[in-house]
Amino acid sequence: MAPPKNDLHERLNAAAAAKKAMLERFRAQPGRDDPAVLEREQARKAVAEAREARVLERQAAREAEIANRAAEAKRLAEETAERKAREEADYAARALAEEAERKAARDARYAARKARKKKR
């Protein structure tokens, strides 16, 4: 059974009315020079600027942290180098002192041997 012809006209009229209503709603929207629209744009711009400021602030904080860590690493490297130099100097001093003690002991043994040979 085919739909009646009046039904087609009703659907076409309904579609045309819907298009007309959409067009009227679009035209009823405020223009770019409307104070409410300008206020919303200013608010969005302020939010975007604040966001950008926070991003720059975080980036500056990260760069400062990197600089602090680099300075700390340099300080630790210098301390390590100084400590290593002190340890090497202490080792050399101990080695010289031990060598001097061994030489003194050897010389004492040699002198004692000479003294024993003279007594004979």
N, C-alpha and C. Protein backbone atom coordinates (compact mmCIF):
# COMPACT_ATOMS: atom_id res chain seq x y z
N MET A 1 0.85 -1.17 0.00
CA MET A 1 0.00 0.00 0.00
C MET A 1 0.90 1.24 0.00
N ALA A 2 0.68 2.14 -0.92
CA ALA A 2 1.49 3.34 -1.06
C ALA A 2 1.01 4.41 -0.10
N PRO A 3 1.97 5.20 0.43
CA PRO A 3 1.54 6.26 1.36
C PRO A 3 0.75 7.34 0.62
N PRO A 4 -0.14 7.98 1.31
CA PRO A 4 -0.94 9.02 0.65
C PRO A 4 -0.07 10.20 0.27
N LYS A 5 -0.47 10.95 -0.76
CA LYS A 5 0.30 12.08 -1.25
C LYS A 5 0.36 13.21 -0.25
N ASN A 6 -0.62 13.36 0.56
CA ASN A 6 -0.63 14.43 1.56
C ASN A 6 0.50 14.22 2.58
N ASP A 7 0.81 12.96 2.84
CA ASP A 7 1.86 12.66 3.79
C ASP A 7 3.21 13.18 3.28
N LEU A 8 3.49 13.08 1.99
CA LEU A 8 4.72 13.57 1.40
C LEU A 8 4.82 15.08 1.55
N HIS A 9 3.71 15.77 1.29
CA HIS A 9 3.70 17.23 1.42
C HIS A 9 3.91 17.65 2.88
N GLU A 10 3.35 16.92 3.76
CA GLU A 10 3.53 17.23 5.19
C GLU A 10 5.01 17.09 5.59
N ARG A 11 5.66 16.04 5.10
CA ARG A 11 7.07 15.82 5.43
C ARG A 11 7.94 16.92 4.81
N LEU A 12 7.65 17.29 3.58
CA LEU A 12 8.40 18.36 2.94
C LEU A 12 8.23 19.68 3.68
N ASN A 13 7.00 19.97 4.08
CA ASN A 13 6.72 21.20 4.84
C ASN A 13 7.44 21.17 6.19
N ALA A 14 7.45 20.02 6.83
CA ALA A 14 8.12 19.90 8.13
C ALA A 14 9.62 20.12 7.96
N ALA A 15 10.20 19.55 6.89
CA ALA A 15 11.63 19.73 6.64
C ALA A 15 11.94 21.19 6.35
N ALA A 16 11.11 21.85 5.56
CA ALA A 16 11.32 23.26 5.25
C ALA A 16 11.20 24.10 6.52
N ALA A 17 10.25 23.77 7.38
CA ALA A 17 10.08 24.51 8.63
C ALA A 17 11.30 24.32 9.54
N ALA A 18 11.82 23.10 9.56
CA ALA A 18 13.00 22.83 10.39
C ALA A 18 14.20 23.62 9.89
N LYS A 19 14.37 23.67 8.55
CA LYS A 19 15.47 24.44 7.98
C LYS A 19 15.32 25.93 8.30
N LYS A 20 14.08 26.41 8.21
CA LYS A 20 13.81 27.82 8.49
C LYS A 20 14.09 28.13 9.96
N ALA A 21 13.72 27.20 10.86
CA ALA A 21 13.97 27.40 12.30
C ALA A 21 15.47 27.40 12.58
N MET A 22 16.21 26.51 11.91
CA MET A 22 17.66 26.49 12.11
C MET A 22 18.29 27.79 11.62
N LEU A 23 17.84 28.29 10.48
CA LEU A 23 18.36 29.54 9.95
C LEU A 23 18.05 30.70 10.88
N GLU A 24 16.86 30.72 11.44
CA GLU A 24 16.49 31.80 12.38
C GLU A 24 17.33 31.73 13.66
N ARG A 25 17.58 30.51 14.14
CA ARG A 25 18.42 30.36 15.34
C ARG A 25 19.84 30.85 15.03
N PHE A 26 20.33 30.54 13.83
CA PHE A 26 21.66 30.99 13.45
C PHE A 26 21.72 32.51 13.37
N ARG A 27 20.73 33.10 12.78
CA ARG A 27 20.69 34.56 12.66
C ARG A 27 20.49 35.25 14.01
N ALA A 28 19.88 34.55 14.95
CA ALA A 28 19.61 35.13 16.27
C ALA A 28 20.88 35.16 17.14
N GLN A 29 21.90 34.39 16.74
CA GLN A 29 23.13 34.38 17.52
C GLN A 29 23.78 35.76 17.48
N PRO A 30 24.46 36.13 18.57
CA PRO A 30 25.08 37.46 18.60
C PRO A 30 26.26 37.52 17.62
N GLY A 31 26.54 38.71 17.11
CA GLY A 31 27.63 38.91 16.16
C GLY A 31 28.96 39.07 16.87
N ARG A 32 30.03 39.22 16.10
CA ARG A 32 31.36 39.33 16.69
C ARG A 32 31.54 40.62 17.47
N ASP A 33 30.73 41.64 17.19
CA ASP A 33 30.87 42.91 17.89
C ASP A 33 29.93 43.02 19.09
N ASP A 34 29.24 41.93 19.42
CA ASP A 34 28.35 41.91 20.58
C ASP A 34 29.18 41.96 21.86
N PRO A 35 28.78 42.74 22.87
CA PRO A 35 29.57 42.83 24.11
C PRO A 35 29.78 41.48 24.81
N ALA A 36 28.79 40.63 24.79
CA ALA A 36 28.93 39.32 25.44
C ALA A 36 29.98 38.48 24.72
N VAL A 37 29.97 38.54 23.39
CA VAL A 37 30.96 37.79 22.62
C VAL A 37 32.35 38.35 22.87
N LEU A 38 32.47 39.67 22.86
CA LEU A 38 33.77 40.29 23.13
C LEU A 38 34.28 39.94 24.52
N GLU A 39 33.37 39.91 25.48
CA GLU A 39 33.76 39.56 26.85
C GLU A 39 34.25 38.12 26.93
N ARG A 40 33.56 37.19 26.25
CA ARG A 40 34.01 35.79 26.24
C ARG A 40 35.37 35.66 25.56
N GLU A 41 35.58 36.39 24.47
CA GLU A 41 36.87 36.34 23.79
C GLU A 41 37.99 36.87 24.69
N GLN A 42 37.71 37.93 25.42
CA GLN A 42 38.71 38.48 26.35
C GLN A 42 39.01 37.48 27.46
N ALA A 43 37.95 36.82 27.95
CA ALA A 43 38.15 35.81 29.00
C ALA A 43 39.01 34.66 28.47
N ARG A 44 38.72 34.19 27.24
CA ARG A 44 39.52 33.11 26.64
C ARG A 44 40.97 33.56 26.46
N LYS A 45 41.15 34.81 26.03
CA LYS A 45 42.50 35.32 25.82
C LYS A 45 43.25 35.39 27.15
N ALA A 46 42.57 35.82 28.22
CA ALA A 46 43.20 35.89 29.54
C ALA A 46 43.59 34.50 30.02
N VAL A 47 42.71 33.52 29.79
CA VAL A 47 43.02 32.15 30.19
C VAL A 47 44.23 31.63 29.41
N ALA A 48 44.26 31.91 28.11
CA ALA A 48 45.38 31.45 27.27
C ALA A 48 46.69 32.11 27.72
N GLU A 49 46.64 33.40 28.04
CA GLU A 49 47.85 34.09 28.51
C GLU A 49 48.32 33.54 29.84
N ALA A 50 47.36 33.26 30.74
CA ALA A 50 47.73 32.68 32.03
C ALA A 50 48.35 31.30 31.84
N ARG A 51 47.78 30.52 30.93
CA ARG A 51 48.32 29.19 30.65
C ARG A 51 49.74 29.31 30.10
N GLU A 52 49.95 30.23 29.19
CA GLU A 52 51.29 30.43 28.61
C GLU A 52 52.28 30.88 29.70
N ALA A 53 51.82 31.73 30.60
CA ALA A 53 52.69 32.18 31.69
C ALA A 53 53.08 31.01 32.59
N ARG A 54 52.11 30.12 32.87
CA ARG A 54 52.41 28.95 33.69
C ARG A 54 53.39 28.02 32.99
N VAL A 55 53.23 27.87 31.67
CA VAL A 55 54.15 27.02 30.90
C VAL A 55 55.56 27.60 30.97
N LEU A 56 55.68 28.92 30.77
CA LEU A 56 57.00 29.56 30.84
C LEU A 56 57.59 29.45 32.23
N GLU A 57 56.74 29.57 33.24
CA GLU A 57 57.20 29.46 34.63
C GLU A 57 57.74 28.05 34.91
N ARG A 58 57.00 27.03 34.44
CA ARG A 58 57.46 25.66 34.64
C ARG A 58 58.77 25.41 33.89
N GLN A 59 58.86 25.96 32.69
CA GLN A 59 60.08 25.79 31.90
C GLN A 59 61.26 26.46 32.61
N ALA A 60 61.05 27.65 33.15
CA ALA A 60 62.12 28.35 33.87
C ALA A 60 62.51 27.54 35.11
N ALA A 61 61.53 26.97 35.80
CA ALA A 61 61.83 26.16 36.98
C ALA A 61 62.64 24.93 36.59
N ARG A 62 62.28 24.29 35.46
CA ARG A 62 63.04 23.12 35.00
C ARG A 62 64.47 23.51 34.66
N GLU A 63 64.64 24.64 33.97
CA GLU A 63 65.98 25.09 33.61
C GLU A 63 66.80 25.42 34.86
N ALA A 64 66.15 26.03 35.85
CA ALA A 64 66.86 26.33 37.10
C ALA A 64 67.26 25.04 37.81
N GLU A 65 66.39 24.05 37.79
CA GLU A 65 66.70 22.76 38.42
C GLU A 65 67.88 22.10 37.70
N ILE A 66 67.87 22.18 36.39
CA ILE A 66 68.98 21.60 35.61
C ILE A 66 70.28 22.31 35.95
N ALA A 67 70.22 23.64 36.05
CA ALA A 67 71.42 24.40 36.40
C ALA A 67 71.90 24.04 37.80
N ASN A 68 70.96 23.89 38.74
CA ASN A 68 71.33 23.51 40.11
C ASN A 68 71.98 22.14 40.14
N ARG A 69 71.40 21.19 39.38
CA ARG A 69 71.98 19.85 39.36
C ARG A 69 73.36 19.86 38.72
N ALA A 70 73.54 20.67 37.69
CA ALA A 70 74.86 20.76 37.04
C ALA A 70 75.88 21.35 38.01
N ALA A 71 75.48 22.38 38.74
CA ALA A 71 76.39 22.99 39.72
C ALA A 71 76.73 22.00 40.82
N GLU A 72 75.74 21.23 41.27
CA GLU A 72 75.98 20.23 42.32
C GLU A 72 76.92 19.14 41.80
N ALA A 73 76.72 18.72 40.56
CA ALA A 73 77.59 17.70 39.98
C ALA A 73 79.02 18.22 39.86
N LYS A 74 79.16 19.48 39.47
CA LYS A 74 80.50 20.07 39.36
C LYS A 74 81.16 20.15 40.73
N ARG A 75 80.39 20.56 41.74
CA ARG A 75 80.93 20.66 43.09
C ARG A 75 81.37 19.27 43.59
N LEU A 76 80.53 18.27 43.35
CA LEU A 76 80.88 16.91 43.78
C LEU A 76 82.12 16.41 43.04
N ALA A 77 82.22 16.73 41.75
CA ALA A 77 83.39 16.31 40.98
C ALA A 77 84.65 16.98 41.54
N GLU A 78 84.55 18.26 41.88
CA GLU A 78 85.71 18.95 42.45
C GLU A 78 86.09 18.36 43.80
N GLU A 79 85.08 18.08 44.64
CA GLU A 79 85.37 17.48 45.94
C GLU A 79 86.03 16.11 45.77
N THR A 80 85.51 15.35 44.82
CA THR A 80 86.08 14.02 44.57
C THR A 80 87.52 14.14 44.09
N ALA A 81 87.76 15.09 43.20
CA ALA A 81 89.13 15.29 42.70
C ALA A 81 90.06 15.72 43.83
N GLU A 82 89.59 16.62 44.69
CA GLU A 82 90.41 17.07 45.82
C GLU A 82 90.69 15.90 46.77
N ARG A 83 89.64 15.12 47.06
CA ARG A 83 89.81 13.98 47.97
C ARG A 83 90.78 12.97 47.37
N LYS A 84 90.64 12.73 46.07
CA LYS A 84 91.53 11.79 45.41
C LYS A 84 92.97 12.28 45.45
N ALA A 85 93.16 13.58 45.23
CA ALA A 85 94.51 14.15 45.28
C ALA A 85 95.09 14.01 46.69
N ARG A 86 94.25 14.29 47.71
CA ARG A 86 94.72 14.14 49.10
C ARG A 86 95.09 12.69 49.38
N GLU A 87 94.24 11.76 48.93
CA GLU A 87 94.51 10.34 49.16
C GLU A 87 95.80 9.92 48.47
N GLU A 88 96.01 10.40 47.24
CA GLU A 88 97.24 10.06 46.53
C GLU A 88 98.46 10.65 47.23
N ALA A 89 98.33 11.89 47.73
CA ALA A 89 99.44 12.51 48.46
C ALA A 89 99.72 11.75 49.75
N ASP A 90 98.65 11.36 50.47
CA ASP A 90 98.83 10.58 51.70
C ASP A 90 99.50 9.24 51.40
N TYR A 91 99.06 8.60 50.32
CA TYR A 91 99.64 7.32 49.93
C TYR A 91 101.13 7.48 49.62
N ALA A 92 101.46 8.53 48.87
CA ALA A 92 102.86 8.77 48.53
C ALA A 92 103.68 9.05 49.79
N ALA A 93 103.12 9.83 50.71
CA ALA A 93 103.84 10.14 51.95
C ALA A 93 104.06 8.87 52.77
N ARG A 94 103.00 8.02 52.86
CA ARG A 94 103.15 6.76 53.60
C ARG A 94 104.19 5.86 52.94
N ALA A 95 104.15 5.81 51.61
CA ALA A 95 105.10 4.97 50.89
C ALA A 95 106.53 5.46 51.14
N LEU A 96 106.75 6.78 51.10
CA LEU A 96 108.09 7.32 51.38
C LEU A 96 108.51 7.02 52.81
N ALA A 97 107.56 7.17 53.76
CA ALA A 97 107.89 6.90 55.16
C ALA A 97 108.24 5.43 55.36
N GLU A 98 107.46 4.54 54.73
CA GLU A 98 107.75 3.10 54.86
C GLU A 98 109.09 2.77 54.23
N GLU A 99 109.38 3.37 53.08
CA GLU A 99 110.67 3.14 52.42
C GLU A 99 111.81 3.63 53.30
N ALA A 100 111.63 4.79 53.94
CA ALA A 100 112.65 5.32 54.84
C ALA A 100 112.84 4.39 56.04
N GLU A 101 111.74 3.85 56.59
CA GLU A 101 111.85 2.91 57.71
C GLU A 101 112.59 1.65 57.30
N ARG A 102 112.24 1.11 56.11
CA ARG A 102 112.94 -0.09 55.63
C ARG A 102 114.44 0.18 55.43
N LYS A 103 114.74 1.34 54.89
CA LYS A 103 116.15 1.68 54.67
C LYS A 103 116.88 1.83 56.01
N ALA A 104 116.21 2.48 56.97
CA ALA A 104 116.83 2.64 58.29
C ALA A 104 117.05 1.28 58.94
N ALA A 105 116.07 0.38 58.81
CA ALA A 105 116.22 -0.96 59.39
C ALA A 105 117.35 -1.71 58.70
N ARG A 106 117.42 -1.59 57.37
CA ARG A 106 118.49 -2.25 56.62
C ARG A 106 119.86 -1.69 57.03
N ASP A 107 119.91 -0.35 57.13
CA ASP A 107 121.17 0.26 57.54
C ASP A 107 121.56 -0.17 58.96
N ALA A 108 120.57 -0.31 59.83
CA ALA A 108 120.86 -0.75 61.21
C ALA A 108 121.40 -2.17 61.19
N ARG A 109 120.78 -3.03 60.38
CA ARG A 109 121.28 -4.42 60.30
C ARG A 109 122.71 -4.44 59.73
N TYR A 110 122.94 -3.64 58.72
CA TYR A 110 124.27 -3.59 58.11
C TYR A 110 125.30 -3.09 59.13
N ALA A 111 124.94 -2.05 59.89
CA ALA A 111 125.86 -1.52 60.90
C ALA A 111 126.10 -2.55 61.99
N ALA A 112 125.08 -3.29 62.39
CA ALA A 112 125.25 -4.32 63.43
C ALA A 112 126.16 -5.43 62.91
N ARG A 113 126.00 -5.81 61.65
CA ARG A 113 126.85 -6.84 61.07
C ARG A 113 128.31 -6.37 61.02
N LYS A 114 128.50 -5.10 60.63
CA LYS A 114 129.85 -4.55 60.58
C LYS A 114 130.48 -4.55 61.97
N ALA A 115 129.64 -4.17 62.97
CA ALA A 115 130.15 -4.12 64.35
C ALA A 115 130.55 -5.52 64.82
N ARG A 116 129.78 -6.53 64.45
CA ARG A 116 130.12 -7.90 64.83
C ARG A 116 131.42 -8.36 64.16
N LYS A 117 131.61 -7.97 62.91
CA LYS A 117 132.82 -8.35 62.18
C LYS A 117 134.03 -7.67 62.80
N LYS A 118 133.89 -6.44 63.28
CA LYS A 118 135.02 -5.74 63.89
C LYS A 118 135.43 -6.38 65.20
N LYS A 119 134.51 -6.92 65.95
CA LYS A 119 134.81 -7.53 67.24
C LYS A 119 135.62 -8.83 67.03
N ARG A 120 135.64 -9.44 66.00
CA ARG A 120 136.34 -10.69 65.80
C ARG A 120 137.76 -10.53 65.61
